[in-house]
Amino acid sequence: MIIGCLVLEIYLPYSHSLKEKRQRLKRLKDRLKTRHNVAFSELDYQDKWQRSRIGMVTLNSRKVVIEKTFNQIIRDTEECIDGEVLNTEISYL
């Protein structure tokens, strides 16, 4: 069993309050959890309005499947978030 962890650092230039940021991240979380069946958490910058660092975890018996899922998640995030993905990190256990 392989566990994959994807960390995305996101810039949200149109977020003007923590409430707006949380709404945007909730929409993203709901979309990704429904489409890709991943666990989702905000890891850092909880007190910043326009920045977030989120982590997602999934597991599979094949690394290729996890890589494909993470690439789709990155594309989906770039398409649906009203902002920019600044950095991505992928690790495996």
PDB file of N, CA and C in Angstrom:
ATOM      1  N   MET A   1       0.845  -1.178   0.000  1.00  0.00           N
ATOM      2  CA  MET A   1       0.000   0.000   0.000  1.00  0.00           C
ATOM      3  C   MET A   1       0.887   1.237   0.000  1.00  0.00           C
ATOM      4  N   ILE A   2       0.603   2.154  -0.886  1.00  0.00           N
ATOM      5  CA  ILE A   2       1.371   3.398  -1.009  1.00  0.00           C
ATOM      6  C   ILE A   2       0.470   4.557  -0.598  1.00  0.00           C
ATOM      7  N   ILE A   3       0.991   5.432   0.255  1.00  0.00           N
ATOM      8  CA  ILE A   3       0.267   6.619   0.690  1.00  0.00           C
ATOM      9  C   ILE A   3       0.906   7.820   0.000  1.00  0.00           C
ATOM     10  N   GLY A   4       0.093   8.616  -0.668  1.00  0.00           N
ATOM     11  CA  GLY A   4       0.580   9.814  -1.336  1.00  0.00           C
ATOM     12  C   GLY A   4       0.070  11.063  -0.654  1.00  0.00           C
ATOM     13  N   CYS A   5       0.932  12.052  -0.545  1.00  0.00           N
ATOM     14  CA  CYS A   5       0.578  13.325   0.079  1.00  0.00           C
ATOM     15  C   CYS A   5       0.876  14.457  -0.911  1.00  0.00           C
ATOM     16  N   LEU A   6      -0.116  15.273  -1.167  1.00  0.00           N
ATOM     17  CA  LEU A   6       0.031  16.427  -2.058  1.00  0.00           C
ATOM     18  C   LEU A   6      -0.186  17.688  -1.228  1.00  0.00           C
ATOM     19  N   VAL A   7       0.750  18.620  -1.313  1.00  0.00           N
ATOM     20  CA  VAL A   7       0.635  19.904  -0.620  1.00  0.00           C
ATOM     21  C   VAL A   7       0.642  21.006  -1.678  1.00  0.00           C
ATOM     22  N   LEU A   8      -0.361  21.878  -1.612  1.00  0.00           N
ATOM     23  CA  LEU A   8      -0.482  23.002  -2.536  1.00  0.00           C
ATOM     24  C   LEU A   8      -0.433  24.302  -1.758  1.00  0.00           C
ATOM     25  N   GLU A   9       0.357  25.231  -2.235  1.00  0.00           N
ATOM     26  CA  GLU A   9       0.352  26.580  -1.688  1.00  0.00           C
ATOM     27  C   GLU A   9      -0.424  27.450  -2.671  1.00  0.00           C
ATOM     28  N   ILE A  10      -1.436  28.124  -2.171  1.00  0.00           N
ATOM     29  CA  ILE A  10      -2.376  28.846  -3.031  1.00  0.00           C
ATOM     30  C   ILE A  10      -2.398  30.319  -2.655  1.00  0.00           C
ATOM     31  N   TYR A  11      -2.445  31.171  -3.677  1.00  0.00           N
ATOM     32  CA  TYR A  11      -2.611  32.613  -3.503  1.00  0.00           C
ATOM     33  C   TYR A  11      -4.007  32.977  -3.971  1.00  0.00           C
ATOM     34  N   LEU A  12      -4.777  33.654  -3.121  1.00  0.00           N
ATOM     35  CA  LEU A  12      -6.160  34.033  -3.415  1.00  0.00           C
ATOM     36  C   LEU A  12      -6.269  35.557  -3.428  1.00  0.00           C
ATOM     37  N   PRO A  13      -5.958  36.214  -4.553  1.00  0.00           N
ATOM     38  CA  PRO A  13      -5.882  37.679  -4.571  1.00  0.00           C
ATOM     39  C   PRO A  13      -7.224  38.376  -4.378  1.00  0.00           C
ATOM     40  N   TYR A  14      -8.340  37.705  -4.643  1.00  0.00           N
ATOM     41  CA  TYR A  14      -9.653  38.340  -4.558  1.00  0.00           C
ATOM     42  C   TYR A  14     -10.357  38.048  -3.247  1.00  0.00           C
ATOM     43  N   SER A  15      -9.680  37.433  -2.323  1.00  0.00           N
ATOM     44  CA  SER A  15     -10.233  37.165  -1.005  1.00  0.00           C
ATOM     45  C   SER A  15      -9.939  38.371  -0.110  1.00  0.00           C
ATOM     46  N   HIS A  16     -10.994  38.936   0.486  1.00  0.00           N
ATOM     47  CA  HIS A  16     -10.822  40.153   1.274  1.00  0.00           C
ATOM     48  C   HIS A  16     -11.092  39.948   2.761  1.00  0.00           C
ATOM     49  N   SER A  17     -11.326  38.709   3.156  1.00  0.00           N
ATOM     50  CA  SER A  17     -11.524  38.403   4.568  1.00  0.00           C
ATOM     51  C   SER A  17     -11.278  36.911   4.782  1.00  0.00           C
ATOM     52  N   LEU A  18     -11.129  36.532   6.034  1.00  0.00           N
ATOM     53  CA  LEU A  18     -10.964  35.116   6.342  1.00  0.00           C
ATOM     54  C   LEU A  18     -12.227  34.330   5.972  1.00  0.00           C
ATOM     55  N   LYS A  19     -13.368  34.967   6.108  1.00  0.00           N
ATOM     56  CA  LYS A  19     -14.631  34.311   5.754  1.00  0.00           C
ATOM     57  C   LYS A  19     -14.674  33.977   4.260  1.00  0.00           C
ATOM     58  N   GLU A  20     -14.292  34.922   3.429  1.00  0.00           N
ATOM     59  CA  GLU A  20     -14.242  34.668   1.977  1.00  0.00           C
ATOM     60  C   GLU A  20     -13.254  33.551   1.660  1.00  0.00           C
ATOM     61  N   LYS A  21     -12.094  33.588   2.279  1.00  0.00           N
ATOM     62  CA  LYS A  21     -11.090  32.557   2.044  1.00  0.00           C
ATOM     63  C   LYS A  21     -11.636  31.183   2.420  1.00  0.00           C
ATOM     64  N   ARG A  22     -12.275  31.074   3.575  1.00  0.00           N
ATOM     65  CA  ARG A  22     -12.837  29.795   4.010  1.00  0.00           C
ATOM     66  C   ARG A  22     -13.916  29.300   3.045  1.00  0.00           C
ATOM     67  N   GLN A  23     -14.733  30.200   2.526  1.00  0.00           N
ATOM     68  CA  GLN A  23     -15.771  29.815   1.553  1.00  0.00           C
ATOM     69  C   GLN A  23     -15.139  29.260   0.283  1.00  0.00           C
ATOM     70  N   ARG A  24     -14.111  29.917  -0.203  1.00  0.00           N
ATOM     71  CA  ARG A  24     -13.432  29.452  -1.415  1.00  0.00           C
ATOM     72  C   ARG A  24     -12.775  28.087  -1.191  1.00  0.00           C
ATOM     73  N   LEU A  25     -12.127  27.918  -0.046  1.00  0.00           N
ATOM     74  CA  LEU A  25     -11.482  26.636   0.255  1.00  0.00           C
ATOM     75  C   LEU A  25     -12.508  25.526   0.483  1.00  0.00           C
ATOM     76  N   LYS A  26     -13.654  25.861   1.053  1.00  0.00           N
ATOM     77  CA  LYS A  26     -14.692  24.847   1.251  1.00  0.00           C
ATOM     78  C   LYS A  26     -15.217  24.350  -0.088  1.00  0.00           C
ATOM     79  N   ARG A  27     -15.444  25.271  -1.016  1.00  0.00           N
ATOM     80  CA  ARG A  27     -15.892  24.863  -2.366  1.00  0.00           C
ATOM     81  C   ARG A  27     -14.861  23.956  -3.019  1.00  0.00           C
ATOM     82  N   LEU A  28     -13.589  24.331  -2.898  1.00  0.00           N
ATOM     83  CA  LEU A  28     -12.512  23.514  -3.465  1.00  0.00           C
ATOM     84  C   LEU A  28     -12.476  22.146  -2.787  1.00  0.00           C
ATOM     85  N   LYS A  29     -12.540  22.127  -1.468  1.00  0.00           N
ATOM     86  CA  LYS A  29     -12.503  20.871  -0.719  1.00  0.00           C
ATOM     87  C   LYS A  29     -13.651  19.954  -1.135  1.00  0.00           C
ATOM     88  N   ASP A  30     -14.855  20.489  -1.208  1.00  0.00           N
ATOM     89  CA  ASP A  30     -16.010  19.672  -1.584  1.00  0.00           C
ATOM     90  C   ASP A  30     -15.853  19.108  -2.987  1.00  0.00           C
ATOM     91  N   ARG A  31     -15.370  19.919  -3.887  1.00  0.00           N
ATOM     92  CA  ARG A  31     -15.167  19.463  -5.269  1.00  0.00           C
ATOM     93  C   ARG A  31     -14.120  18.348  -5.349  1.00  0.00           C
ATOM     94  N   LEU A  32     -12.986  18.542  -4.680  1.00  0.00           N
ATOM     95  CA  LEU A  32     -11.909  17.554  -4.763  1.00  0.00           C
ATOM     96  C   LEU A  32     -12.260  16.264  -4.033  1.00  0.00           C
ATOM     97  N   LYS A  33     -12.926  16.367  -2.895  1.00  0.00           N
ATOM     98  CA  LYS A  33     -13.307  15.171  -2.160  1.00  0.00           C
ATOM     99  C   LYS A  33     -14.316  14.344  -2.957  1.00  0.00           C
ATOM    100  N   THR A  34     -15.241  15.017  -3.635  1.00  0.00           N
ATOM    101  CA  THR A  34     -16.245  14.313  -4.436  1.00  0.00           C
ATOM    102  C   THR A  34     -15.621  13.663  -5.668  1.00  0.00           C
ATOM    103  N   ARG A  35     -14.790  14.397  -6.363  1.00  0.00           N
ATOM    104  CA  ARG A  35     -14.214  13.889  -7.620  1.00  0.00           C
ATOM    105  C   ARG A  35     -13.085  12.888  -7.427  1.00  0.00           C
ATOM    106  N   HIS A  36     -12.283  13.070  -6.386  1.00  0.00           N
ATOM    107  CA  HIS A  36     -11.047  12.290  -6.279  1.00  0.00           C
ATOM    108  C   HIS A  36     -10.918  11.470  -4.998  1.00  0.00           C
ATOM    109  N   ASN A  37     -11.859  11.586  -4.088  1.00  0.00           N
ATOM    110  CA  ASN A  37     -11.860  10.796  -2.863  1.00  0.00           C
ATOM    111  C   ASN A  37     -10.542  10.926  -2.088  1.00  0.00           C
ATOM    112  N   VAL A  38     -10.228  12.154  -1.709  1.00  0.00           N
ATOM    113  CA  VAL A  38      -9.008  12.440  -0.941  1.00  0.00           C
ATOM    114  C   VAL A  38      -9.374  13.067   0.396  1.00  0.00           C
ATOM    115  N   ALA A  39      -8.503  12.915   1.369  1.00  0.00           N
ATOM    116  CA  ALA A  39      -8.637  13.629   2.633  1.00  0.00           C
ATOM    117  C   ALA A  39      -7.971  14.994   2.462  1.00  0.00           C
ATOM    118  N   PHE A  40      -8.553  16.032   3.044  1.00  0.00           N
ATOM    119  CA  PHE A  40      -8.175  17.412   2.762  1.00  0.00           C
ATOM    120  C   PHE A  40      -8.018  18.168   4.074  1.00  0.00           C
ATOM    121  N   SER A  41      -6.973  19.000   4.172  1.00  0.00           N
ATOM    122  CA  SER A  41      -6.785  19.812   5.371  1.00  0.00           C
ATOM    123  C   SER A  41      -6.017  21.083   5.031  1.00  0.00           C
ATOM    124  N   GLU A  42      -6.358  22.175   5.714  1.00  0.00           N
ATOM    125  CA  GLU A  42      -5.570  23.398   5.593  1.00  0.00           C
ATOM    126  C   GLU A  42      -4.412  23.288   6.570  1.00  0.00           C
ATOM    127  N   LEU A  43      -3.194  23.402   6.074  1.00  0.00           N
ATOM    128  CA  LEU A  43      -2.004  23.145   6.871  1.00  0.00           C
ATOM    129  C   LEU A  43      -1.355  24.391   7.451  1.00  0.00           C
ATOM    130  N   ASP A  44      -1.467  25.505   6.749  1.00  0.00           N
ATOM    131  CA  ASP A  44      -0.750  26.704   7.181  1.00  0.00           C
ATOM    132  C   ASP A  44      -1.477  27.946   6.688  1.00  0.00           C
ATOM    133  N   TYR A  45      -1.084  29.091   7.187  1.00  0.00           N
ATOM    134  CA  TYR A  45      -1.622  30.400   6.827  1.00  0.00           C
ATOM    135  C   TYR A  45      -3.112  30.518   7.169  1.00  0.00           C
ATOM    136  N   GLN A  46      -3.554  29.904   8.272  1.00  0.00           N
ATOM    137  CA  GLN A  46      -4.960  29.989   8.646  1.00  0.00           C
ATOM    138  C   GLN A  46      -5.387  31.420   8.968  1.00  0.00           C
ATOM    139  N   ASP A  47      -4.447  32.274   9.353  1.00  0.00           N
ATOM    140  CA  ASP A  47      -4.787  33.646   9.713  1.00  0.00           C
ATOM    141  C   ASP A  47      -4.513  34.657   8.590  1.00  0.00           C
ATOM    142  N   LYS A  48      -4.148  34.178   7.416  1.00  0.00           N
ATOM    143  CA  LYS A  48      -3.900  35.069   6.265  1.00  0.00           C
ATOM    144  C   LYS A  48      -5.111  35.037   5.328  1.00  0.00           C
ATOM    145  N   TRP A  49      -5.505  36.192   4.829  1.00  0.00           N
ATOM    146  CA  TRP A  49      -6.688  36.285   3.971  1.00  0.00           C
ATOM    147  C   TRP A  49      -6.464  35.730   2.578  1.00  0.00           C
ATOM    148  N   GLN A  50      -5.288  35.946   2.032  1.00  0.00           N
ATOM    149  CA  GLN A  50      -5.076  35.671   0.615  1.00  0.00           C
ATOM    150  C   GLN A  50      -4.103  34.537   0.352  1.00  0.00           C
ATOM    151  N   ARG A  51      -3.815  33.768   1.365  1.00  0.00           N
ATOM    152  CA  ARG A  51      -2.848  32.693   1.174  1.00  0.00           C
ATOM    153  C   ARG A  51      -3.293  31.460   1.940  1.00  0.00           C
ATOM    154  N   SER A  52      -2.990  30.308   1.365  1.00  0.00           N
ATOM    155  CA  SER A  52      -3.339  29.066   2.037  1.00  0.00           C
ATOM    156  C   SER A  52      -2.363  27.973   1.628  1.00  0.00           C
ATOM    157  N   ARG A  53      -2.165  27.055   2.522  1.00  0.00           N
ATOM    158  CA  ARG A  53      -1.362  25.854   2.242  1.00  0.00           C
ATOM    159  C   ARG A  53      -2.245  24.679   2.628  1.00  0.00           C
ATOM    160  N   ILE A  54      -2.624  23.895   1.623  1.00  0.00           N
ATOM    161  CA  ILE A  54      -3.543  22.790   1.860  1.00  0.00           C
ATOM    162  C   ILE A  54      -2.853  21.464   1.543  1.00  0.00           C
ATOM    163  N   GLY A  55      -3.287  20.440   2.232  1.00  0.00           N
ATOM    164  CA  GLY A  55      -2.723  19.117   2.022  1.00  0.00           C
ATOM    165  C   GLY A  55      -3.824  18.117   1.720  1.00  0.00           C
ATOM    166  N   MET A  56      -3.511  17.173   0.853  1.00  0.00           N
ATOM    167  CA  MET A  56      -4.429  16.096   0.506  1.00  0.00           C
ATOM    168  C   MET A  56      -3.694  14.777   0.569  1.00  0.00           C
ATOM    169  N   VAL A  57      -4.386  13.747   1.008  1.00  0.00           N
ATOM    170  CA  VAL A  57      -3.791  12.426   1.148  1.00  0.00           C
ATOM    171  C   VAL A  57      -4.703  11.407   0.488  1.00  0.00           C
ATOM    172  N   THR A  58      -4.086  10.457  -0.210  1.00  0.00           N
ATOM    173  CA  THR A  58      -4.814   9.334  -0.784  1.00  0.00           C
ATOM    174  C   THR A  58      -3.907   8.115  -0.741  1.00  0.00           C
ATOM    175  N   LEU A  59      -4.493   6.959  -0.941  1.00  0.00           N
ATOM    176  CA  LEU A  59      -3.676   5.747  -0.973  1.00  0.00           C
ATOM    177  C   LEU A  59      -4.168   4.806  -2.046  1.00  0.00           C
ATOM    178  N   ASN A  60      -3.220   3.974  -2.505  1.00  0.00           N
ATOM    179  CA  ASN A  60      -3.502   3.003  -3.556  1.00  0.00           C
ATOM    180  C   ASN A  60      -2.359   1.993  -3.558  1.00  0.00           C
ATOM    181  N   SER A  61      -2.584   0.892  -4.216  1.00  0.00           N
ATOM    182  CA  SER A  61      -1.519  -0.110  -4.302  1.00  0.00           C
ATOM    183  C   SER A  61      -0.527   0.214  -5.415  1.00  0.00           C
ATOM    184  N   ARG A  62      -0.889   1.180  -6.296  1.00  0.00           N
ATOM    185  CA  ARG A  62      -0.010   1.549  -7.419  1.00  0.00           C
ATOM    186  C   ARG A  62       0.312   3.040  -7.378  1.00  0.00           C
ATOM    187  N   LYS A  63       1.603   3.337  -7.437  1.00  0.00           N
ATOM    188  CA  LYS A  63       2.064   4.729  -7.401  1.00  0.00           C
ATOM    189  C   LYS A  63       1.571   5.513  -8.615  1.00  0.00           C
ATOM    190  N   VAL A  64       1.472   4.859  -9.754  1.00  0.00           N
ATOM    191  CA  VAL A  64       1.029   5.517 -10.993  1.00  0.00           C
ATOM    192  C   VAL A  64      -0.376   6.081 -10.835  1.00  0.00           C
ATOM    193  N   VAL A  65      -1.240   5.361 -10.161  1.00  0.00           N
ATOM    194  CA  VAL A  65      -2.617   5.820  -9.954  1.00  0.00           C
ATOM    195  C   VAL A  65      -2.623   7.061  -9.067  1.00  0.00           C
ATOM    196  N   ILE A  66      -1.804   7.075  -8.037  1.00  0.00           N
ATOM    197  CA  ILE A  66      -1.718   8.239  -7.152  1.00  0.00           C
ATOM    198  C   ILE A  66      -1.177   9.448  -7.914  1.00  0.00           C
ATOM    199  N   GLU A  67      -0.138   9.253  -8.715  1.00  0.00           N
ATOM    200  CA  GLU A  67       0.424  10.347  -9.507  1.00  0.00           C
ATOM    201  C   GLU A  67      -0.620  10.932 -10.455  1.00  0.00           C
ATOM    202  N   LYS A  68      -1.381  10.070 -11.105  1.00  0.00           N
ATOM    203  CA  LYS A  68      -2.436  10.522 -12.025  1.00  0.00           C
ATOM    204  C   LYS A  68      -3.495  11.323 -11.266  1.00  0.00           C
ATOM    205  N   THR A  69      -3.893  10.828 -10.106  1.00  0.00           N
ATOM    206  CA  THR A  69      -4.887  11.528  -9.289  1.00  0.00           C
ATOM    207  C   THR A  69      -4.377  12.902  -8.882  1.00  0.00           C
ATOM    208  N   PHE A  70      -3.138  12.982  -8.420  1.00  0.00           N
ATOM    209  CA  PHE A  70      -2.580  14.264  -7.991  1.00  0.00           C
ATOM    210  C   PHE A  70      -2.450  15.244  -9.156  1.00  0.00           C
ATOM    211  N   ASN A  71      -2.081  14.774 -10.334  1.00  0.00           N
ATOM    212  CA  ASN A  71      -2.009  15.659 -11.497  1.00  0.00           C
ATOM    213  C   ASN A  71      -3.390  16.202 -11.850  1.00  0.00           C
ATOM    214  N   GLN A  72      -4.427  15.369 -11.743  1.00  0.00           N
ATOM    215  CA  GLN A  72      -5.792  15.831 -12.000  1.00  0.00           C
ATOM    216  C   GLN A  72      -6.228  16.850 -10.944  1.00  0.00           C
ATOM    217  N   ILE A  73      -5.851  16.613  -9.691  1.00  0.00           N
ATOM    218  CA  ILE A  73      -6.196  17.542  -8.620  1.00  0.00           C
ATOM    219  C   ILE A  73      -5.539  18.898  -8.855  1.00  0.00           C
ATOM    220  N   ILE A  74      -4.295  18.904  -9.266  1.00  0.00           N
ATOM    221  CA  ILE A  74      -3.596  20.164  -9.542  1.00  0.00           C
ATOM    222  C   ILE A  74      -4.302  20.913 -10.666  1.00  0.00           C
ATOM    223  N   ARG A  75      -4.662  20.203 -11.734  1.00  0.00           N
ATOM    224  CA  ARG A  75      -5.390  20.843 -12.846  1.00  0.00           C
ATOM    225  C   ARG A  75      -6.744  21.374 -12.393  1.00  0.00           C
ATOM    226  N   ASP A  76      -7.498  20.560 -11.651  1.00  0.00           N
ATOM    227  CA  ASP A  76      -8.805  20.999 -11.157  1.00  0.00           C
ATOM    228  C   ASP A  76      -8.681  22.228 -10.268  1.00  0.00           C
ATOM    229  N   THR A  77      -7.678  22.250  -9.414  1.00  0.00           N
ATOM    230  CA  THR A  77      -7.472  23.383  -8.515  1.00  0.00           C
ATOM    231  C   THR A  77      -7.164  24.640  -9.310  1.00  0.00           C
ATOM    232  N   GLU A  78      -6.297  24.536 -10.294  1.00  0.00           N
ATOM    233  CA  GLU A  78      -5.947  25.702 -11.113  1.00  0.00           C
ATOM    234  C   GLU A  78      -7.156  26.217 -11.885  1.00  0.00           C
ATOM    235  N   GLU A  79      -8.054  25.319 -12.300  1.00  0.00           N
ATOM    236  CA  GLU A  79      -9.236  25.731 -13.062  1.00  0.00           C
ATOM    237  C   GLU A  79     -10.317  26.352 -12.188  1.00  0.00           C
ATOM    238  N   CYS A  80     -10.544  25.802 -10.999  1.00  0.00           N
ATOM    239  CA  CYS A  80     -11.710  26.232 -10.232  1.00  0.00           C
ATOM    240  C   CYS A  80     -11.410  27.279  -9.167  1.00  0.00           C
ATOM    241  N   ILE A  81     -10.168  27.407  -8.749  1.00  0.00           N
ATOM    242  CA  ILE A  81      -9.863  28.377  -7.694  1.00  0.00           C
ATOM    243  C   ILE A  81      -9.680  29.750  -8.334  1.00  0.00           C
ATOM    244  N   ASP A  82     -10.186  30.757  -7.669  1.00  0.00           N
ATOM    245  CA  ASP A  82     -10.055  32.122  -8.165  1.00  0.00           C
ATOM    246  C   ASP A  82      -8.744  32.689  -7.628  1.00  0.00           C
ATOM    247  N   GLY A  83      -7.653  32.120  -8.143  1.00  0.00           N
ATOM    248  CA  GLY A  83      -6.339  32.500  -7.662  1.00  0.00           C
ATOM    249  C   GLY A  83      -5.270  31.732  -8.406  1.00  0.00           C
ATOM    250  N   GLU A  84      -4.176  31.468  -7.710  1.00  0.00           N
ATOM    251  CA  GLU A  84      -3.008  30.874  -8.358  1.00  0.00           C
ATOM    252  C   GLU A  84      -2.353  29.846  -7.437  1.00  0.00           C
ATOM    253  N   VAL A  85      -1.964  28.717  -8.019  1.00  0.00           N
ATOM    254  CA  VAL A  85      -1.196  27.720  -7.282  1.00  0.00           C
ATOM    255  C   VAL A  85       0.268  28.124  -7.350  1.00  0.00           C
ATOM    256  N   LEU A  86       0.853  28.455  -6.214  1.00  0.00           N
ATOM    257  CA  LEU A  86       2.233  28.930  -6.167  1.00  0.00           C
ATOM    258  C   LEU A  86       3.248  27.805  -6.123  1.00  0.00           C
ATOM    259  N   ASN A  87       2.903  26.729  -5.416  1.00  0.00           N
ATOM    260  CA  ASN A  87       3.876  25.650  -5.217  1.00  0.00           C
ATOM    261  C   ASN A  87       3.135  24.344  -5.002  1.00  0.00           C
ATOM    262  N   THR A  88       3.744  23.255  -5.481  1.00  0.00           N
ATOM    263  CA  THR A  88       3.189  21.927  -5.242  1.00  0.00           C
ATOM    264  C   THR A  88       4.308  21.018  -4.705  1.00  0.00           C
ATOM    265  N   GLU A  89       3.945  20.148  -3.767  1.00  0.00           N
ATOM    266  CA  GLU A  89       4.884  19.181  -3.218  1.00  0.00           C
ATOM    267  C   GLU A  89       4.173  17.825  -3.180  1.00  0.00           C
ATOM    268  N   ILE A  90       4.831  16.803  -3.667  1.00  0.00           N
ATOM    269  CA  ILE A  90       4.274  15.451  -3.625  1.00  0.00           C
ATOM    270  C   ILE A  90       5.270  14.563  -2.899  1.00  0.00           C
ATOM    271  N   SER A  91       4.756  13.778  -1.965  1.00  0.00           N
ATOM    272  CA  SER A  91       5.609  12.822  -1.261  1.00  0.00           C
ATOM    273  C   SER A  91       4.847  11.506  -1.097  1.00  0.00           C
ATOM    274  N   TYR A  92       5.612  10.443  -0.900  1.00  0.00           N
ATOM    275  CA  TYR A  92       5.037   9.094  -0.779  1.00  0.00           C
ATOM    276  C   TYR A  92       5.587   8.401   0.453  1.00  0.00           C
ATOM    277  N   LEU A  93       4.746   7.607   1.072  1.00  0.00           N
ATOM    278  CA  LEU A  93       5.148   6.797   2.231  1.00  0.00           C
ATOM    279  C   LEU A  93       4.971   5.344   1.895  1.00  0.00           C
TER     280      LEU A  93
END
